């Protein structure tokens, strides 16, 4: 059960990041840096956001796993 809880927490954080990226941060970057002119630059920025989300998901999953292992060893 703990293993699935770790994955669910990581996936939830990933969805939150993707929501923030797609609906708040990316439109802000497009407006500030005028990325509408270059579709390639827009796609590269969008891909960069997805990569950040993937690393965030991996970091959170590993961190939760280490925390749960530490709790098991101290009990």
N, C-alpha and C. Protein backbone atom coordinates (compact mmCIF):
# COMPACT_ATOMS: atom_id res chain seq x y z
N UNK A 1 0.82 -1.20 0.00
CA UNK A 1 0.00 0.00 0.00
C UNK A 1 0.87 1.27 0.00
N UNK A 2 1.98 1.24 0.74
CA UNK A 2 2.85 2.42 0.78
C UNK A 2 3.44 2.75 -0.57
N UNK A 3 3.77 1.70 -1.34
CA UNK A 3 4.36 1.93 -2.66
C UNK A 3 3.38 2.67 -3.56
N UNK A 4 2.12 2.27 -3.55
CA UNK A 4 1.13 2.95 -4.38
C UNK A 4 0.86 4.36 -3.85
N UNK A 5 0.95 4.55 -2.54
CA UNK A 5 0.77 5.88 -1.97
C UNK A 5 1.89 6.82 -2.43
N UNK A 6 3.12 6.30 -2.49
CA UNK A 6 4.24 7.10 -2.97
C UNK A 6 4.01 7.54 -4.41
N UNK A 7 3.58 6.61 -5.25
CA UNK A 7 3.34 6.93 -6.66
C UNK A 7 2.18 7.90 -6.81
N UNK A 8 1.13 7.71 -6.03
CA UNK A 8 -0.02 8.61 -6.13
C UNK A 8 0.35 10.03 -5.72
N UNK A 9 1.15 10.16 -4.69
CA UNK A 9 1.60 11.50 -4.27
C UNK A 9 2.46 12.14 -5.36
N UNK A 10 3.36 11.37 -5.93
CA UNK A 10 4.20 11.90 -7.01
C UNK A 10 3.39 12.30 -8.22
N UNK A 11 2.42 11.47 -8.60
CA UNK A 11 1.57 11.77 -9.76
C UNK A 11 0.72 13.00 -9.48
N UNK A 12 0.20 13.13 -8.27
CA UNK A 12 -0.59 14.30 -7.91
C UNK A 12 0.25 15.57 -8.02
N UNK A 13 1.47 15.53 -7.52
CA UNK A 13 2.36 16.69 -7.65
C UNK A 13 2.68 16.99 -9.11
N UNK A 14 2.84 15.94 -9.92
CA UNK A 14 3.10 16.13 -11.34
C UNK A 14 1.92 16.81 -12.03
N UNK A 15 0.70 16.38 -11.72
CA UNK A 15 -0.48 17.01 -12.31
C UNK A 15 -0.62 18.47 -11.86
N UNK A 16 -0.30 18.74 -10.60
CA UNK A 16 -0.35 20.13 -10.12
C UNK A 16 0.66 20.98 -10.88
N UNK A 17 1.89 20.45 -11.05
CA UNK A 17 2.91 21.19 -11.79
C UNK A 17 2.46 21.43 -13.23
N UNK A 18 1.92 20.41 -13.88
CA UNK A 18 1.51 20.56 -15.28
C UNK A 18 0.38 21.59 -15.40
N UNK A 19 -0.53 21.59 -14.43
CA UNK A 19 -1.59 22.60 -14.44
C UNK A 19 -1.02 24.00 -14.28
N UNK A 20 -0.11 24.16 -13.34
CA UNK A 20 0.53 25.47 -13.15
C UNK A 20 1.30 25.87 -14.40
N UNK A 21 2.01 24.92 -14.98
CA UNK A 21 2.83 25.22 -16.16
C UNK A 21 1.98 25.63 -17.34
N UNK A 22 0.95 24.82 -17.65
CA UNK A 22 0.15 25.05 -18.86
C UNK A 22 -0.73 26.28 -18.77
N UNK A 23 -1.28 26.55 -17.58
CA UNK A 23 -2.30 27.59 -17.48
C UNK A 23 -1.82 28.88 -16.81
N UNK A 24 -0.65 28.87 -16.17
CA UNK A 24 -0.18 30.09 -15.51
C UNK A 24 1.21 30.49 -16.02
N UNK A 25 2.19 29.60 -15.87
CA UNK A 25 3.57 29.98 -16.19
C UNK A 25 3.83 30.12 -17.69
N UNK A 26 3.39 29.15 -18.48
CA UNK A 26 3.65 29.21 -19.92
C UNK A 26 2.98 30.43 -20.58
N UNK A 27 1.70 30.71 -20.29
CA UNK A 27 1.12 31.93 -20.89
C UNK A 27 1.85 33.21 -20.45
N UNK A 28 2.32 33.22 -19.20
CA UNK A 28 3.09 34.38 -18.74
C UNK A 28 4.39 34.53 -19.53
N UNK A 29 5.10 33.41 -19.72
CA UNK A 29 6.35 33.47 -20.49
C UNK A 29 6.10 33.86 -21.94
N UNK A 30 5.01 33.37 -22.51
CA UNK A 30 4.67 33.72 -23.90
C UNK A 30 4.43 35.22 -24.02
N UNK A 31 3.71 35.78 -23.04
CA UNK A 31 3.40 37.20 -23.10
C UNK A 31 4.65 38.06 -22.87
N UNK A 32 5.46 37.69 -21.88
CA UNK A 32 6.63 38.50 -21.53
C UNK A 32 7.70 38.43 -22.62
N UNK A 33 7.99 37.22 -23.10
CA UNK A 33 9.07 37.06 -24.07
C UNK A 33 8.59 36.99 -25.51
N UNK A 34 7.29 37.21 -25.73
CA UNK A 34 6.69 37.22 -27.06
C UNK A 34 7.06 35.97 -27.85
N UNK A 35 6.75 34.81 -27.28
CA UNK A 35 7.08 33.53 -27.91
C UNK A 35 6.11 33.13 -29.01
N UNK A 36 5.06 33.92 -29.23
CA UNK A 36 4.10 33.59 -30.28
C UNK A 36 4.70 33.71 -31.67
N UNK A 37 5.73 34.54 -31.81
CA UNK A 37 6.33 34.75 -33.12
C UNK A 37 7.07 33.50 -33.62
N UNK A 38 7.63 32.74 -32.70
CA UNK A 38 8.42 31.58 -33.08
C UNK A 38 7.80 30.32 -32.48
N UNK A 39 7.20 29.50 -33.33
CA UNK A 39 6.57 28.28 -32.85
C UNK A 39 7.59 27.31 -32.28
N UNK A 40 8.78 27.26 -32.87
CA UNK A 40 9.82 26.35 -32.37
C UNK A 40 10.25 26.73 -30.96
N UNK A 41 10.40 28.01 -30.70
CA UNK A 41 10.78 28.47 -29.37
C UNK A 41 9.67 28.20 -28.36
N UNK A 42 8.42 28.38 -28.79
CA UNK A 42 7.28 28.07 -27.92
C UNK A 42 7.28 26.59 -27.57
N UNK A 43 7.47 25.72 -28.56
CA UNK A 43 7.49 24.28 -28.30
C UNK A 43 8.66 23.88 -27.42
N UNK A 44 9.81 24.50 -27.61
CA UNK A 44 10.97 24.22 -26.79
C UNK A 44 10.71 24.62 -25.33
N UNK A 45 10.09 25.76 -25.13
CA UNK A 45 9.75 26.20 -23.78
C UNK A 45 8.73 25.26 -23.15
N UNK A 46 7.76 24.81 -23.93
CA UNK A 46 6.76 23.87 -23.43
C UNK A 46 7.42 22.55 -23.05
N UNK A 47 8.32 22.06 -23.87
CA UNK A 47 9.04 20.83 -23.57
C UNK A 47 9.89 20.98 -22.32
N UNK A 48 10.50 22.13 -22.14
CA UNK A 48 11.29 22.41 -20.95
C UNK A 48 10.42 22.28 -19.69
N UNK A 49 9.20 22.76 -19.76
CA UNK A 49 8.28 22.63 -18.63
C UNK A 49 7.95 21.19 -18.32
N UNK A 50 7.76 20.39 -19.36
CA UNK A 50 7.49 18.96 -19.15
C UNK A 50 8.70 18.26 -18.53
N UNK A 51 9.90 18.62 -18.95
CA UNK A 51 11.10 18.03 -18.37
C UNK A 51 11.24 18.39 -16.89
N UNK A 52 10.95 19.63 -16.56
CA UNK A 52 10.98 20.04 -15.16
C UNK A 52 9.97 19.22 -14.36
N UNK A 53 8.79 19.03 -14.93
CA UNK A 53 7.77 18.22 -14.26
C UNK A 53 8.21 16.79 -14.04
N UNK A 54 8.87 16.21 -15.02
CA UNK A 54 9.37 14.84 -14.88
C UNK A 54 10.42 14.73 -13.79
N UNK A 55 11.36 15.68 -13.75
CA UNK A 55 12.37 15.66 -12.70
C UNK A 55 11.74 15.90 -11.33
N UNK A 56 10.75 16.77 -11.28
CA UNK A 56 10.04 17.03 -10.02
C UNK A 56 9.33 15.76 -9.54
N UNK A 57 8.69 15.05 -10.46
CA UNK A 57 8.01 13.80 -10.12
C UNK A 57 9.00 12.78 -9.58
N UNK A 58 10.13 12.63 -10.24
CA UNK A 58 11.15 11.66 -9.80
C UNK A 58 11.71 12.05 -8.43
N UNK A 59 11.98 13.32 -8.23
CA UNK A 59 12.52 13.78 -6.96
C UNK A 59 11.55 13.53 -5.82
N UNK A 60 10.28 13.87 -6.03
CA UNK A 60 9.28 13.69 -4.98
C UNK A 60 9.08 12.21 -4.69
N UNK A 61 9.02 11.37 -5.70
CA UNK A 61 8.84 9.93 -5.49
C UNK A 61 10.00 9.34 -4.70
N UNK A 62 11.23 9.70 -5.06
CA UNK A 62 12.40 9.19 -4.36
C UNK A 62 12.43 9.70 -2.92
N UNK A 63 12.09 10.96 -2.75
CA UNK A 63 12.09 11.56 -1.41
C UNK A 63 11.07 10.88 -0.51
N UNK A 64 9.88 10.63 -1.02
CA UNK A 64 8.84 9.96 -0.23
C UNK A 64 9.27 8.55 0.11
N UNK A 65 9.88 7.87 -0.84
CA UNK A 65 10.34 6.49 -0.59
C UNK A 65 11.40 6.47 0.51
N UNK A 66 12.36 7.40 0.47
CA UNK A 66 13.39 7.46 1.50
C UNK A 66 12.78 7.76 2.86
N UNK A 67 11.82 8.66 2.90
CA UNK A 67 11.17 9.01 4.16
C UNK A 67 10.42 7.82 4.73
N UNK A 68 9.71 7.07 3.89
CA UNK A 68 8.96 5.92 4.38
C UNK A 68 9.90 4.81 4.84
N UNK A 69 11.04 4.64 4.18
CA UNK A 69 12.03 3.64 4.61
C UNK A 69 12.63 4.05 5.94
N UNK A 70 12.93 5.34 6.12
CA UNK A 70 13.49 5.81 7.38
C UNK A 70 12.51 5.63 8.53
N UNK A 71 11.23 5.84 8.28
CA UNK A 71 10.22 5.64 9.32
C UNK A 71 10.13 4.17 9.71
N UNK A 72 10.24 3.27 8.73
CA UNK A 72 10.17 1.83 9.02
C UNK A 72 11.37 1.38 9.85
N UNK A 73 12.55 1.93 9.58
CA UNK A 73 13.74 1.49 10.31
C UNK A 73 13.78 2.05 11.72
N UNK A 74 13.16 3.20 11.95
CA UNK A 74 13.16 3.78 13.29
C UNK A 74 12.10 3.15 14.18
N UNK A 75 11.09 2.54 13.61
CA UNK A 75 10.04 1.92 14.42
C UNK A 75 10.44 0.61 14.95
